Amino acid sequence: MDVLALRTLQEICRTGSISAAAQVLGYSQSALSRQIAGLEARLGVPLLERHARGVRPTPAGSVLLDHAAVILQRVERAERDVAASHTHAVSRLQVGAVPSVAAGLLPRALTAFGGDSPNVRVGFVEGMTPGLLPRLRDGELDVAVVTDYPPGLPADAGLAMTHLLDEPSVCILPPTHRLAARDAVDLAELAEDTWVEDYAGAASMLAAACARAGFTPRIDIECGSWLGKQAFVAEGHGVALAPRLLVPSLRPDLAVRPLTDPPTRSIYAARRTATPGRGQAQAQRPPQAQGQAADAFIRALVRAGRPDTD
């Protein structure tokens, strides 16, 4: 379907006459009439009908106008993106991150990155480290923000890791818990409590931390989501650990307390050191420009992580 003919139909219906649309578009009335006739012949229905003060769309014309608005917006966006890719070599960066980092670190990093790279649009996806790294290697992601939570980070010569920060865990308690008023909690004091966990990596880290404190945690509730984890703790069904990055987003009806000897995870920004192979998601992207944008975003992540290391 001819994009110019769709623009013609849109302008005729906006102005209410073929002559007025011809003046706006800089074409003769006969040229516009031919474009509309071509559309009508292709679709097999009339698109315009005359009335006392000009023309208006038929029911079929109104349907096509709705589609034309969407099509023309996408065409204009494509034109802008192509122009940006020619001028600035890269227009989009895809970043993956573990959920706690997406909630706490990425918004600050985007603020820092946007000031330096206003022509790069950034898309974000969430996932766990074992799922993000293969997507990074395959070229689906440009940067992955991951942690050394169990099972840890694999050795991979094709990936470069930039250390962002070391993050201690905090303890979240029901507001009526016996330790809720403490300034800090010793993990060993929770040996007799029940625990709530949301996924296997966090449960493994909890088990290792509790083993160092001299006990095995009793995980009675495995809820599968961070929102559920908070809800069960708030209702008094157990206690839990949480990454410190998530503290600003925790429910207000939870008691959040630091630990005297907290388990700590390290957060890294990963990027490829090699270009994806043929047929992979980014094989057609300019490798040098894409790498420069990835490096710029990692620098923004480093800056964004500094407040959390104080």
C-alpha atoms as a PDB file:
ATOM      1  CA  MET A   1       0.000   0.000   0.000  1.00  0.00           C
ATOM      2  CA  ASP A   2       1.397   3.388  -1.064  1.00  0.00           C
ATOM      3  CA  VAL A   3       2.492   5.480   1.932  1.00  0.00           C
ATOM      4  CA  LEU A   4       2.059   8.702  -0.075  1.00  0.00           C
ATOM      5  CA  ALA A   5      -1.534   7.740  -0.867  1.00  0.00           C
ATOM      6  CA  LEU A   6      -2.209   7.151   2.839  1.00  0.00           C
ATOM      7  CA  ARG A   7      -0.796  10.596   3.645  1.00  0.00           C
ATOM      8  CA  THR A   8      -3.012  12.029   0.918  1.00  0.00           C
ATOM      9  CA  LEU A   9      -6.122  10.364   2.351  1.00  0.00           C
ATOM     10  CA  GLN A  10      -5.223  11.600   5.825  1.00  0.00           C
ATOM     11  CA  GLU A  11      -4.724  15.195   4.675  1.00  0.00           C
ATOM     12  CA  ILE A  12      -7.903  15.248   2.562  1.00  0.00           C
ATOM     13  CA  CYS A  13      -9.968  14.068   5.508  1.00  0.00           C
ATOM     14  CA  ARG A  14      -8.230  16.540   7.836  1.00  0.00           C
ATOM     15  CA  THR A  15      -8.871  19.553   5.588  1.00  0.00           C
ATOM     16  CA  GLY A  16     -12.237  18.363   4.215  1.00  0.00           C
ATOM     17  CA  SER A  17     -11.418  18.964   0.557  1.00  0.00           C
ATOM     18  CA  ILE A  18      -9.091  17.739  -2.176  1.00  0.00           C
ATOM     19  CA  SER A  19      -8.148  21.260  -3.217  1.00  0.00           C
ATOM     20  CA  ALA A  20      -7.117  22.276   0.313  1.00  0.00           C
ATOM     21  CA  ALA A  21      -5.082  19.074   0.715  1.00  0.00           C
ATOM     22  CA  ALA A  22      -3.378  19.725  -2.625  1.00  0.00           C
ATOM     23  CA  GLN A  23      -2.234  23.135  -1.412  1.00  0.00           C
ATOM     24  CA  VAL A  24      -0.831  21.685   1.812  1.00  0.00           C
ATOM     25  CA  LEU A  25       0.957  18.768   0.117  1.00  0.00           C
ATOM     26  CA  GLY A  26       2.137  20.718  -2.932  1.00  0.00           C
ATOM     27  CA  TYR A  27       0.473  18.477  -5.534  1.00  0.00           C
ATOM     28  CA  SER A  28      -2.203  19.121  -8.134  1.00  0.00           C
ATOM     29  CA  GLN A  29      -5.789  18.138  -7.386  1.00  0.00           C
ATOM     30  CA  SER A  30      -5.683  15.606 -10.223  1.00  0.00           C
ATOM     31  CA  ALA A  31      -2.589  13.929  -8.720  1.00  0.00           C
ATOM     32  CA  LEU A  32      -4.334  13.549  -5.361  1.00  0.00           C
ATOM     33  CA  SER A  33      -7.474  12.228  -7.034  1.00  0.00           C
ATOM     34  CA  ARG A  34      -5.382   9.590  -8.837  1.00  0.00           C
ATOM     35  CA  GLN A  35      -3.783   8.508  -5.585  1.00  0.00           C
ATOM     36  CA  ILE A  36      -7.184   8.061  -3.934  1.00  0.00           C
ATOM     37  CA  ALA A  37      -8.504   6.234  -6.998  1.00  0.00           C
ATOM     38  CA  GLY A  38      -5.533   3.859  -6.803  1.00  0.00           C
ATOM     39  CA  LEU A  39      -6.270   3.111  -3.142  1.00  0.00           C
ATOM     40  CA  GLU A  40      -9.947   2.509  -3.900  1.00  0.00           C
ATOM     41  CA  ALA A  41      -9.065   0.190  -6.782  1.00  0.00           C
ATOM     42  CA  ARG A  42      -6.661  -1.785  -4.569  1.00  0.00           C
ATOM     43  CA  LEU A  43      -9.187  -2.151  -1.739  1.00  0.00           C
ATOM     44  CA  GLY A  44     -12.285  -2.491  -3.892  1.00  0.00           C
ATOM     45  CA  VAL A  45     -14.357   0.051  -1.933  1.00  0.00           C
ATOM     46  CA  PRO A  46     -14.958   3.835  -2.112  1.00  0.00           C
ATOM     47  CA  LEU A  47     -13.022   5.781   0.511  1.00  0.00           C
ATOM     48  CA  LEU A  48     -14.449   9.306   0.085  1.00  0.00           C
ATOM     49  CA  GLU A  49     -17.917  10.723  -0.467  1.00  0.00           C
ATOM     50  CA  ARG A  50     -18.884  14.235  -1.423  1.00  0.00           C
ATOM     51  CA  HIS A  51     -21.155  16.463   0.645  1.00  0.00           C
ATOM     52  CA  ALA A  52     -22.229  20.095   0.436  1.00  0.00           C
ATOM     53  CA  ARG A  53     -18.963  21.515   1.861  1.00  0.00           C
ATOM     54  CA  GLY A  54     -16.410  19.111   0.415  1.00  0.00           C
ATOM     55  CA  VAL A  55     -15.582  15.449   1.041  1.00  0.00           C
ATOM     56  CA  ARG A  56     -15.615  13.114   4.011  1.00  0.00           C
ATOM     57  CA  PRO A  57     -14.542   9.504   4.541  1.00  0.00           C
ATOM     58  CA  THR A  58     -16.915   6.643   3.895  1.00  0.00           C
ATOM     59  CA  PRO A  59     -17.182   3.998   6.633  1.00  0.00           C
ATOM     60  CA  ALA A  60     -14.434   2.077   4.831  1.00  0.00           C
ATOM     61  CA  GLY A  61     -12.389   5.276   4.595  1.00  0.00           C
ATOM     62  CA  SER A  62     -12.719   5.835   8.351  1.00  0.00           C
ATOM     63  CA  VAL A  63     -11.413   2.326   9.018  1.00  0.00           C
ATOM     64  CA  LEU A  64      -8.444   2.924   6.719  1.00  0.00           C
ATOM     65  CA  LEU A  65      -7.763   6.293   8.372  1.00  0.00           C
ATOM     66  CA  ASP A  66      -7.347   4.588  11.745  1.00  0.00           C
ATOM     67  CA  HIS A  67      -4.801   2.192  10.271  1.00  0.00           C
ATOM     68  CA  ALA A  68      -3.113   4.965   8.299  1.00  0.00           C
ATOM     69  CA  ALA A  69      -2.428   6.932  11.491  1.00  0.00           C
ATOM     70  CA  VAL A  70      -0.574   3.960  12.986  1.00  0.00           C
ATOM     71  CA  ILE A  71       1.262   3.112   9.753  1.00  0.00           C
ATOM     72  CA  LEU A  72       2.425   6.682   9.172  1.00  0.00           C
ATOM     73  CA  GLN A  73       3.632   7.014  12.780  1.00  0.00           C
ATOM     74  CA  ARG A  74       5.725   3.864  12.336  1.00  0.00           C
ATOM     75  CA  VAL A  75       7.088   5.125   9.025  1.00  0.00           C
ATOM     76  CA  GLU A  76       8.106   8.424  10.632  1.00  0.00           C
ATOM     77  CA  ARG A  77       9.728   6.553  13.517  1.00  0.00           C
ATOM     78  CA  ALA A  78      11.623   4.340  11.061  1.00  0.00           C
ATOM     79  CA  GLU A  79      12.869   7.411   9.223  1.00  0.00           C
ATOM     80  CA  ARG A  80      14.110   8.947  12.497  1.00  0.00           C
ATOM     81  CA  ASP A  81      15.805   5.716  13.564  1.00  0.00           C
ATOM     82  CA  VAL A  82      17.546   5.304  10.217  1.00  0.00           C
ATOM     83  CA  ALA A  83      18.737   8.907  10.364  1.00  0.00           C
ATOM     84  CA  ALA A  84      20.000   8.384  13.915  1.00  0.00           C
ATOM     85  CA  SER A  85      21.805   5.169  12.987  1.00  0.00           C
ATOM     86  CA  HIS A  86      23.559   6.976  10.136  1.00  0.00           C
ATOM     87  CA  THR A  87      24.510  10.010  12.213  1.00  0.00           C
ATOM     88  CA  HIS A  88      25.285   8.392  15.549  1.00  0.00           C
ATOM     89  CA  ALA A  89      26.040   4.772  14.497  1.00  0.00           C
ATOM     90  CA  VAL A  90      23.816   3.242  17.218  1.00  0.00           C
ATOM     91  CA  SER A  91      20.267   4.023  18.312  1.00  0.00           C
ATOM     92  CA  ARG A  92      19.378   1.273  20.785  1.00  0.00           C
ATOM     93  CA  LEU A  93      21.046  -0.550  23.655  1.00  0.00           C
ATOM     94  CA  GLN A  94      19.532  -3.618  25.282  1.00  0.00           C
ATOM     95  CA  VAL A  95      20.352  -4.139  28.966  1.00  0.00           C
ATOM     96  CA  GLY A  96      19.457  -7.132  31.110  1.00  0.00           C
ATOM     97  CA  ALA A  97      19.612  -7.132  34.904  1.00  0.00           C
ATOM     98  CA  VAL A  98      18.642  -9.153  37.947  1.00  0.00           C
ATOM     99  CA  PRO A  99      15.395  -7.792  39.435  1.00  0.00           C
ATOM    100  CA  SER A 100      16.877  -6.147  42.538  1.00  0.00           C
ATOM    101  CA  VAL A 101      19.382  -4.225  40.400  1.00  0.00           C
ATOM    102  CA  ALA A 102      16.653  -3.247  37.938  1.00  0.00           C
ATOM    103  CA  ALA A 103      14.675  -1.762  40.836  1.00  0.00           C
ATOM    104  CA  GLY A 104      17.529   0.092  42.501  1.00  0.00           C
ATOM    105  CA  LEU A 105      20.528   0.748  40.257  1.00  0.00           C
ATOM    106  CA  LEU A 106      19.316   0.943  36.662  1.00  0.00           C
ATOM    107  CA  PRO A 107      17.146   4.081  36.978  1.00  0.00           C
ATOM    108  CA  ARG A 108      20.112   6.041  38.384  1.00  0.00           C
ATOM    109  CA  ALA A 109      22.395   4.639  35.697  1.00  0.00           C
ATOM    110  CA  LEU A 110      19.954   5.653  32.965  1.00  0.00           C
ATOM    111  CA  THR A 111      19.943   9.214  34.321  1.00  0.00           C
ATOM    112  CA  ALA A 112      23.741   9.339  34.168  1.00  0.00           C
ATOM    113  CA  PHE A 113      23.850   7.663  30.736  1.00  0.00           C
ATOM    114  CA  GLY A 114      21.189   9.883  29.174  1.00  0.00           C
ATOM    115  CA  GLY A 115      23.204  13.017  29.832  1.00  0.00           C
ATOM    116  CA  ASP A 116      26.169  11.606  27.917  1.00  0.00           C
ATOM    117  CA  SER A 117      24.317   9.666  25.195  1.00  0.00           C
ATOM    118  CA  PRO A 118      21.010  11.406  24.438  1.00  0.00           C
ATOM    119  CA  ASN A 119      20.625   9.688  21.042  1.00  0.00           C
ATOM    120  CA  VAL A 120      20.737   6.115  22.365  1.00  0.00           C
ATOM    121  CA  ARG A 121      17.483   4.523  23.498  1.00  0.00           C
ATOM    122  CA  VAL A 122      17.898   1.878  26.202  1.00  0.00           C
ATOM    123  CA  GLY A 123      15.644  -1.129  26.640  1.00  0.00           C
ATOM    124  CA  PHE A 124      15.617  -3.195  29.834  1.00  0.00           C
ATOM    125  CA  VAL A 125      14.741  -6.812  30.598  1.00  0.00           C
ATOM    126  CA  GLU A 126      14.839  -8.660  33.918  1.00  0.00           C
ATOM    127  CA  GLY A 127      16.164 -12.115  34.569  1.00  0.00           C
ATOM    128  CA  MET A 128      18.413 -14.198  36.787  1.00  0.00           C
ATOM    129  CA  THR A 129      22.152 -14.391  36.185  1.00  0.00           C
ATOM    130  CA  PRO A 130      22.144 -17.949  34.709  1.00  0.00           C
ATOM    131  CA  GLY A 131      19.582 -16.827  32.131  1.00  0.00           C
ATOM    132  CA  LEU A 132      21.049 -13.408  31.328  1.00  0.00           C
ATOM    133  CA  LEU A 133      24.611 -14.464  30.485  1.00  0.00           C
ATOM    134  CA  PRO A 134      23.635 -16.803  27.599  1.00  0.00           C
ATOM    135  CA  ARG A 135      21.471 -14.033  26.129  1.00  0.00           C
ATOM    136  CA  LEU A 136      24.459 -11.690  26.365  1.00  0.00           C
ATOM    137  CA  ARG A 137      26.757 -14.210  24.664  1.00  0.00           C
ATOM    138  CA  ASP A 138      24.209 -14.768  21.893  1.00  0.00           C
ATOM    139  CA  GLY A 139      23.952 -11.029  21.171  1.00  0.00           C
ATOM    140  CA  GLU A 140      20.392 -10.572  22.406  1.00  0.00           C
ATOM    141  CA  LEU A 141      21.711  -8.235  25.132  1.00  0.00           C
ATOM    142  CA  ASP A 142      24.458  -5.605  24.978  1.00  0.00           C
ATOM    143  CA  VAL A 143      25.045  -5.391  28.738  1.00  0.00           C
ATOM    144  CA  ALA A 144      24.014  -7.714  31.580  1.00  0.00           C
ATOM    145  CA  VAL A 145      24.077  -6.651  35.222  1.00  0.00           C
ATOM    146  CA  VAL A 146      24.551  -9.849  37.206  1.00  0.00           C
ATOM    147  CA  THR A 147      25.557 -11.099  40.646  1.00  0.00           C
ATOM    148  CA  ASP A 148      27.741 -13.858  42.062  1.00  0.00           C
ATOM    149  CA  TYR A 149      24.764 -15.368  43.886  1.00  0.00           C
ATOM    150  CA  PRO A 150      24.915 -19.173  43.696  1.00  0.00           C
ATOM    151  CA  PRO A 151      25.791 -20.803  41.385  1.00  0.00           C
ATOM    152  CA  GLY A 152      28.290 -17.955  40.876  1.00  0.00           C
ATOM    153  CA  LEU A 153      29.759 -16.413  37.743  1.00  0.00           C
ATOM    154  CA  PRO A 154      31.238 -18.711  35.091  1.00  0.00           C
ATOM    155  CA  ALA A 155      34.688 -18.179  33.618  1.00  0.00           C
ATOM    156  CA  ASP A 156      34.111 -17.043  30.029  1.00  0.00           C
ATOM    157  CA  ALA A 157      36.809 -15.575  27.807  1.00  0.00           C
ATOM    158  CA  GLY A 158      34.123 -14.023  25.607  1.00  0.00           C
ATOM    159  CA  LEU A 159      32.755 -11.837  28.424  1.00  0.00           C
ATOM    160  CA  ALA A 160      34.329  -8.917  30.277  1.00  0.00           C
ATOM    161  CA  MET A 161      33.184  -8.266  33.853  1.00  0.00           C
ATOM    162  CA  THR A 162      33.269  -4.844  35.528  1.00  0.00           C
ATOM    163  CA  HIS A 163      32.830  -4.866  39.298  1.00  0.00           C
ATOM    164  CA  LEU A 164      30.150  -2.365  40.318  1.00  0.00           C
ATOM    165  CA  LEU A 165      29.677  -2.806  44.057  1.00  0.00           C
ATOM    166  CA  ASP A 166      29.548  -5.235  46.973  1.00  0.00           C
ATOM    167  CA  GLU A 167      26.116  -5.303  48.532  1.00  0.00           C
ATOM    168  CA  PRO A 168      25.290  -6.589  52.024  1.00  0.00           C
ATOM    169  CA  SER A 169      21.951  -8.193  52.756  1.00  0.00           C
ATOM    170  CA  VAL A 170      19.524  -6.854  55.337  1.00  0.00           C
ATOM    171  CA  CYS A 171      17.005  -8.736  57.432  1.00  0.00           C
ATOM    172  CA  ILE A 172      13.269  -8.158  56.983  1.00  0.00           C
ATOM    173  CA  LEU A 173      11.006  -9.034  59.893  1.00  0.00           C
ATOM    174  CA  PRO A 174       7.308  -8.852  60.724  1.00  0.00           C
ATOM    175  CA  PRO A 175       6.608  -5.612  62.606  1.00  0.00           C
ATOM    176  CA  THR A 176       5.680  -7.615  65.733  1.00  0.00           C
ATOM    177  CA  HIS A 177       8.837  -9.742  65.694  1.00  0.00           C
ATOM    178  CA  ARG A 178      10.767  -9.930  68.964  1.00  0.00           C
ATOM    179  CA  LEU A 179      13.860  -8.379  67.288  1.00  0.00           C
ATOM    180  CA  ALA A 180      12.024  -5.703  65.290  1.00  0.00           C
ATOM    181  CA  ALA A 181      13.147  -2.908  67.629  1.00  0.00           C
ATOM    182  CA  ARG A 182      16.841  -3.820  67.475  1.00  0.00           C
ATOM    183  CA  ASP A 183      19.335  -1.476  65.825  1.00  0.00           C
ATOM    184  CA  ALA A 184      21.030  -4.534  64.280  1.00  0.00           C
ATOM    185  CA  VAL A 185      20.374  -8.273  64.294  1.00  0.00           C
ATOM    186  CA  ASP A 186      22.828 -11.149  64.658  1.00  0.00           C
ATOM    187  CA  LEU A 187      21.893 -13.884  62.184  1.00  0.00           C
ATOM    188  CA  ALA A 188      22.380 -16.558  64.864  1.00  0.00           C
ATOM    189  CA  GLU A 189      19.508 -15.013  66.822  1.00  0.00           C
ATOM    190  CA  LEU A 190      17.162 -16.154  64.027  1.00  0.00           C
ATOM    191  CA  ALA A 191      18.167 -19.814  64.225  1.00  0.00           C
ATOM    192  CA  GLU A 192      14.756 -20.881  65.529  1.00  0.00           C
ATOM    193  CA  ASP A 193      12.725 -18.749  63.105  1.00  0.00           C
ATOM    194  CA  THR A 194      11.072 -19.960  59.935  1.00  0.00           C
ATOM    195  CA  TRP A 195      12.230 -18.424  56.651  1.00  0.00           C
ATOM    196  CA  VAL A 196      10.559 -17.298  53.451  1.00  0.00           C
ATOM    197  CA  GLU A 197      12.391 -17.554  50.125  1.00  0.00           C
ATOM    198  CA  ASP A 198      11.546 -16.682  46.548  1.00  0.00           C
ATOM    199  CA  TYR A 199      14.076 -18.535  44.362  1.00  0.00           C
ATOM    200  CA  ALA A 200      16.864 -21.106  44.501  1.00  0.00           C
ATOM    201  CA  GLY A 201      19.848 -18.741  44.279  1.00  0.00           C
ATOM    202  CA  ALA A 202      18.692 -16.673  47.249  1.00  0.00           C
ATOM    203  CA  ALA A 203      17.951 -19.839  49.224  1.00  0.00           C
ATOM    204  CA  SER A 204      21.490 -21.120  48.569  1.00  0.00           C
ATOM    205  CA  MET A 205      23.011 -17.864  49.748  1.00  0.00           C
ATOM    206  CA  LEU A 206      20.804 -17.928  52.865  1.00  0.00           C
ATOM    207  CA  ALA A 207      21.875 -21.517  53.629  1.00  0.00           C
ATOM    208  CA  ALA A 208      25.573 -20.605  53.295  1.00  0.00           C
ATOM    209  CA  ALA A 209      25.210 -17.529  55.523  1.00  0.00           C
ATOM    210  CA  CYS A 210      23.316 -19.454  58.188  1.00  0.00           C
ATOM    211  CA  ALA A 211      25.892 -22.264  58.093  1.00  0.00           C
ATOM    212  CA  ARG A 212      28.583 -19.709  58.968  1.00  0.00           C
ATOM    213  CA  ALA A 213      26.356 -18.569  61.858  1.00  0.00           C
ATOM    214  CA  GLY A 214      26.072 -22.159  63.115  1.00  0.00           C
ATOM    215  CA  PHE A 215      22.598 -23.307  62.047  1.00  0.00           C
ATOM    216  CA  THR A 216      20.515 -24.581  59.130  1.00  0.00           C
ATOM    217  CA  PRO A 217      17.594 -22.328  58.180  1.00  0.00           C
ATOM    218  CA  ARG A 218      14.127 -23.849  58.115  1.00  0.00           C
ATOM    219  CA  ILE A 219      12.595 -22.589  54.865  1.00  0.00           C
ATOM    220  CA  ASP A 220       8.892 -23.273  55.288  1.00  0.00           C
ATOM    221  CA  ILE A 221       7.587 -21.042  52.493  1.00  0.00           C
ATOM    222  CA  GLU A 222       8.908 -20.890  48.927  1.00  0.00           C
ATOM    223  CA  CYS A 223       6.718 -18.285  47.269  1.00  0.00           C
ATOM    224  CA  GLY A 224       8.380 -17.735  43.880  1.00  0.00           C
ATOM    225  CA  SER A 225       8.202 -13.934  43.802  1.00  0.00           C
ATOM    226  CA  TRP A 226       9.618 -10.945  45.626  1.00  0.00           C
ATOM    227  CA  LEU A 227       6.183  -9.443  46.215  1.00  0.00           C
ATOM    228  CA  GLY A 228       4.974 -12.679  47.741  1.00  0.00           C
ATOM    229  CA  LYS A 229       8.080 -12.921  49.910  1.00  0.00           C
ATOM    230  CA  GLN A 230       7.351  -9.520  51.430  1.00  0.00           C
ATOM    231  CA  ALA A 231       3.677 -10.336  51.948  1.00  0.00           C
ATOM    232  CA  PHE A 232       4.348 -13.576  53.846  1.00  0.00           C
ATOM    233  CA  VAL A 233       6.888 -11.857  56.103  1.00  0.00           C
ATOM    234  CA  ALA A 234       4.585  -8.901  56.776  1.00  0.00           C
ATOM    235  CA  GLU A 235       1.840 -11.306  57.858  1.00  0.00           C
ATOM    236  CA  GLY A 236       4.176 -12.982  60.347  1.00  0.00           C
ATOM    237  CA  HIS A 237       4.773 -16.274  58.500  1.00  0.00           C
ATOM    238  CA  GLY A 238       8.556 -16.013  58.646  1.00  0.00           C
ATOM    239  CA  VAL A 239      11.626 -13.835  58.226  1.00  0.00           C
ATOM    240  CA  ALA A 240      13.824 -13.239  55.193  1.00  0.00           C
ATOM    241  CA  LEU A 241      16.920 -11.606  53.812  1.00  0.00           C
ATOM    242  CA  ALA A 242      16.785  -8.866  51.195  1.00  0.00           C
ATOM    243  CA  PRO A 243      19.381  -7.121  49.000  1.00  0.00           C
ATOM    244  CA  ARG A 244      20.098  -3.633  50.313  1.00  0.00           C
ATOM    245  CA  LEU A 245      19.315  -2.161  46.885  1.00  0.00           C
ATOM    246  CA  LEU A 246      15.678  -3.112  47.436  1.00  0.00           C
ATOM    247  CA  VAL A 247      15.278  -1.350  50.780  1.00  0.00           C
ATOM    248  CA  PRO A 248      13.704   1.841  49.295  1.00  0.00           C
ATOM    249  CA  SER A 249      11.045  -0.271  47.573  1.00  0.00           C
ATOM    250  CA  LEU A 250      10.113  -2.500  50.530  1.00  0.00           C
ATOM    251  CA  ARG A 251       6.628  -2.507  51.993  1.00  0.00           C
ATOM    252  CA  PRO A 252       6.181   0.011  54.819  1.00  0.00           C
ATOM    253  CA  ASP A 253       4.747  -2.663  57.131  1.00  0.00           C
ATOM    254  CA  LEU A 254       8.064  -4.552  57.324  1.00  0.00           C
ATOM    255  CA  ALA A 255      10.790  -4.078  59.925  1.00  0.00           C
ATOM    256  CA  VAL A 256      14.092  -3.738  58.061  1.00  0.00           C
ATOM    257  CA  ARG A 257      17.225  -4.252  60.141  1.00  0.00           C
ATOM    258  CA  PRO A 258      20.931  -4.461  59.256  1.00  0.00           C
ATOM    259  CA  LEU A 259      22.827  -7.614  60.166  1.00  0.00           C
ATOM    260  CA  THR A 260      25.940  -7.534  62.348  1.00  0.00           C
ATOM    261  CA  ASP A 261      27.800  -9.877  59.945  1.00  0.00           C
ATOM    262  CA  PRO A 262      25.760  -9.762  56.738  1.00  0.00           C
ATOM    263  CA  PRO A 263      26.192 -12.050  53.746  1.00  0.00           C
ATOM    264  CA  THR A 264      27.398  -9.955  50.829  1.00  0.00           C
ATOM    265  CA  ARG A 265      27.026 -10.393  47.112  1.00  0.00           C
ATOM    266  CA  SER A 266      29.036  -8.713  44.378  1.00  0.00           C
ATOM    267  CA  ILE A 267      27.370  -7.048  41.395  1.00  0.00           C
ATOM    268  CA  TYR A 268      29.028  -6.933  37.983  1.00  0.00           C
ATOM    269  CA  ALA A 269      28.320  -5.428  34.589  1.00  0.00           C
ATOM    270  CA  ALA A 270      29.090  -7.916  31.831  1.00  0.00           C
ATOM    271  CA  ARG A 271      29.577  -7.253  28.140  1.00  0.00           C
ATOM    272  CA  ARG A 272      30.867  -9.259  25.224  1.00  0.00           C
ATOM    273  CA  THR A 273      34.487  -9.038  24.125  1.00  0.00           C
ATOM    274  CA  ALA A 274      33.621 -10.596  20.735  1.00  0.00           C
ATOM    275  CA  THR A 275      30.997  -9.805  18.103  1.00  0.00           C
ATOM    276  CA  PRO A 276      28.060 -12.287  17.904  1.00  0.00           C
ATOM    277  CA  GLY A 277      28.292 -14.807  15.102  1.00  0.00           C
ATOM    278  CA  ARG A 278      26.300 -14.744  11.884  1.00  0.00           C
ATOM    279  CA  GLY A 279      22.570 -15.166  12.379  1.00  0.00           C
ATOM    280  CA  GLN A 280      22.591 -13.949  15.965  1.00  0.00           C
ATOM    281  CA  ALA A 281      20.479 -11.052  17.161  1.00  0.00           C
ATOM    282  CA  GLN A 282      22.990  -8.227  16.830  1.00  0.00           C
ATOM    283  CA  ALA A 283      25.190  -9.452  13.989  1.00  0.00           C
ATOM    284  CA  GLN A 284      23.950  -6.578  11.820  1.00  0.00           C
ATOM    285  CA  ARG A 285      24.702  -3.849  14.389  1.00  0.00           C
ATOM    286  CA  PRO A 286      27.860  -1.762  13.995  1.00  0.00           C
ATOM    287  CA  PRO A 287      30.204  -3.577  16.457  1.00  0.00           C
ATOM    288  CA  GLN A 288      32.435  -0.594  17.255  1.00  0.00           C
ATOM    289  CA  ALA A 289      29.585   1.844  17.901  1.00  0.00           C
ATOM    290  CA  GLN A 290      27.600  -0.756  19.837  1.00  0.00           C
ATOM    291  CA  GLY A 291      30.626  -1.506  21.978  1.00  0.00           C
ATOM    292  CA  GLN A 292      31.169   2.193  22.676  1.00  0.00           C
ATOM    293  CA  ALA A 293      27.549   2.566  23.796  1.00  0.00           C
ATOM    294  CA  ALA A 294      27.854  -0.515  26.032  1.00  0.00           C
ATOM    295  CA  ASP A 295      31.046   0.872  27.579  1.00  0.00           C
ATOM    296  CA  ALA A 296      29.337   4.228  28.187  1.00  0.00           C
ATOM    297  CA  PHE A 297      26.433   2.532  29.950  1.00  0.00           C
ATOM    298  CA  ILE A 298      28.797   0.513  32.134  1.00  0.00           C
ATOM    299  CA  ARG A 299      30.557   3.746  33.136  1.00  0.00           C
ATOM    300  CA  ALA A 300      27.133   5.125  34.068  1.00  0.00           C
ATOM    301  CA  LEU A 301      26.478   2.016  36.162  1.00  0.00           C
ATOM    302  CA  VAL A 302      29.765   2.518  37.988  1.00  0.00           C
ATOM    303  CA  ARG A 303      28.809   6.106  38.804  1.00  0.00           C
ATOM    304  CA  ALA A 304      25.306   5.069  39.863  1.00  0.00           C
ATOM    305  CA  GLY A 305      26.711   2.415  42.198  1.00  0.00           C
ATOM    306  CA  ARG A 306      28.960   4.747  44.148  1.00  0.00           C
ATOM    307  CA  PRO A 307      26.282   5.910  46.649  1.00  0.00           C
ATOM    308  CA  ASP A 308      25.703   2.284  47.596  1.00  0.00           C
ATOM    309  CA  THR A 309      29.353   1.756  48.549  1.00  0.00           C
ATOM    310  CA  ASP A 310      29.477   4.518  51.161  1.00  0.00           C
END
